[in-house]
Protein backbone atom coordinates (compact mmCIF):
# COMPACT_ATOMS: atom_id res chain seq x y z
CA MET A 1 2.94 5.36 -18.25
CA ASP A 2 6.03 3.58 -16.94
CA ASP A 3 7.54 4.62 -13.58
CA GLY A 4 11.07 3.80 -14.70
CA ALA A 5 11.09 0.52 -12.81
CA GLY A 6 9.13 -1.27 -15.52
CA ILE A 7 5.74 -0.90 -13.83
CA ASP A 8 3.00 0.18 -16.25
CA PHE A 9 0.58 1.96 -13.91
CA LEU A 10 -1.95 2.92 -16.58
CA ALA A 11 -2.52 -0.77 -17.32
CA ARG A 12 -3.56 -1.29 -13.70
CA ARG A 13 -6.54 -0.22 -11.66
CA LEU A 14 -6.28 1.73 -8.42
CA VAL A 15 -7.30 -0.25 -5.34
CA SER A 16 -8.44 1.09 -1.99
CA LEU A 17 -7.08 -0.51 1.18
CA ARG A 18 -8.05 0.19 4.77
CA ALA A 19 -5.61 -0.49 7.56
CA VAL A 20 -5.84 -0.75 11.32
CA SER A 21 -2.08 -0.98 11.82
CA TRP A 22 1.23 -1.01 9.97
CA ASP A 23 4.91 -0.99 10.83
CA GLY A 24 6.52 2.40 11.45
CA PRO A 25 5.14 5.89 10.82
CA LEU A 26 2.08 6.61 8.71
CA PRO A 27 2.89 5.50 5.16
CA ALA A 28 3.14 8.32 2.61
CA PRO A 29 2.50 8.57 -1.13
CA GLY A 30 5.40 6.91 -2.94
CA ASP A 31 5.86 4.31 -0.18
CA TYR A 32 4.88 0.67 -0.57
CA LEU A 33 2.82 -1.74 1.54
CA ARG A 34 3.96 -5.37 1.33
CA THR A 35 1.76 -8.29 2.32
CA GLY A 36 2.81 -10.83 4.93
CA ARG A 37 3.74 -13.50 2.37
CA GLY A 38 5.83 -10.95 0.49
CA THR A 39 4.46 -11.80 -2.96
CA THR A 40 2.31 -8.70 -3.47
CA ALA A 41 3.00 -5.05 -2.87
CA TYR A 42 0.94 -1.87 -3.15
CA HIS A 43 2.46 1.41 -4.38
CA ILE A 44 0.74 4.16 -2.37
CA VAL A 45 -0.75 6.99 -4.45
CA SER A 46 -2.68 8.77 -1.68
CA VAL A 47 -3.22 8.45 2.08
CA HIS A 48 -6.43 9.41 3.87
CA PRO A 49 -6.13 9.17 7.69
CA ASN A 50 -9.40 8.83 9.57
CA LEU A 51 -10.46 12.11 11.18
CA ARG A 52 -12.65 10.30 13.71
CA PRO A 53 -11.78 7.22 15.78
CA ASP A 54 -12.84 4.04 14.00
CA PRO A 55 -11.86 0.60 15.37
CA ARG A 56 -12.16 -0.91 11.87
CA SER A 57 -9.70 1.43 10.15
CA ARG A 58 -7.08 4.10 10.98
CA ALA A 59 -6.36 5.10 7.39
CA ARG A 60 -7.35 4.44 3.80
CA PHE A 61 -4.76 4.06 1.05
CA ARG A 62 -5.28 4.38 -2.71
CA CYS A 63 -2.67 2.16 -4.35
CA TRP A 64 -1.44 0.42 -7.46
CA LYS A 65 -1.06 -3.35 -6.95
CA VAL A 66 2.39 -4.49 -8.13
CA PRO A 67 4.44 -7.69 -7.90
CA ALA A 68 6.72 -7.48 -4.86
CA ALA A 69 9.70 -8.29 -7.07
CA GLN A 70 9.20 -4.95 -8.88
CA VAL A 71 9.53 -2.81 -5.73
CA PRO A 72 12.74 -0.76 -5.99
CA GLU A 73 15.41 -1.77 -3.48
CA ASP A 74 15.66 1.78 -2.11
CA ALA A 75 11.88 2.16 -1.63
CA ARG A 76 10.34 2.69 1.80
CA VAL A 77 8.31 -0.47 2.42
CA HIS A 78 5.83 -1.06 5.27
CA ALA A 79 4.70 -4.55 6.31
CA TRP A 80 0.95 -4.87 6.02
CA TRP A 81 -1.49 -7.65 6.91
CA TRP A 82 -4.98 -8.37 5.67
CA SER A 83 -7.65 -8.02 8.35
CA SER A 84 -9.60 -11.13 9.22
CA ARG A 85 -13.22 -11.07 8.17
CA GLY A 86 -16.04 -12.08 10.40
């Protein structure tokens, strides 16, 4: 299945990301998260906000990992940073 932008989503596996913070309002399905270096992006398929306070995570996102160069220019993109481990 091609999304029209040349991204074959069926050839990829869904990933699950947890986030403590992001830029702007809560990201929505169809939006993208872009890593700090700008080389990788994640196309959001579903958003699951935490119902209870959790200092480790405010929301969980199910996403397709895509090259940042394939993100459409008119897409809504949120900056996103990996959490430090440890």
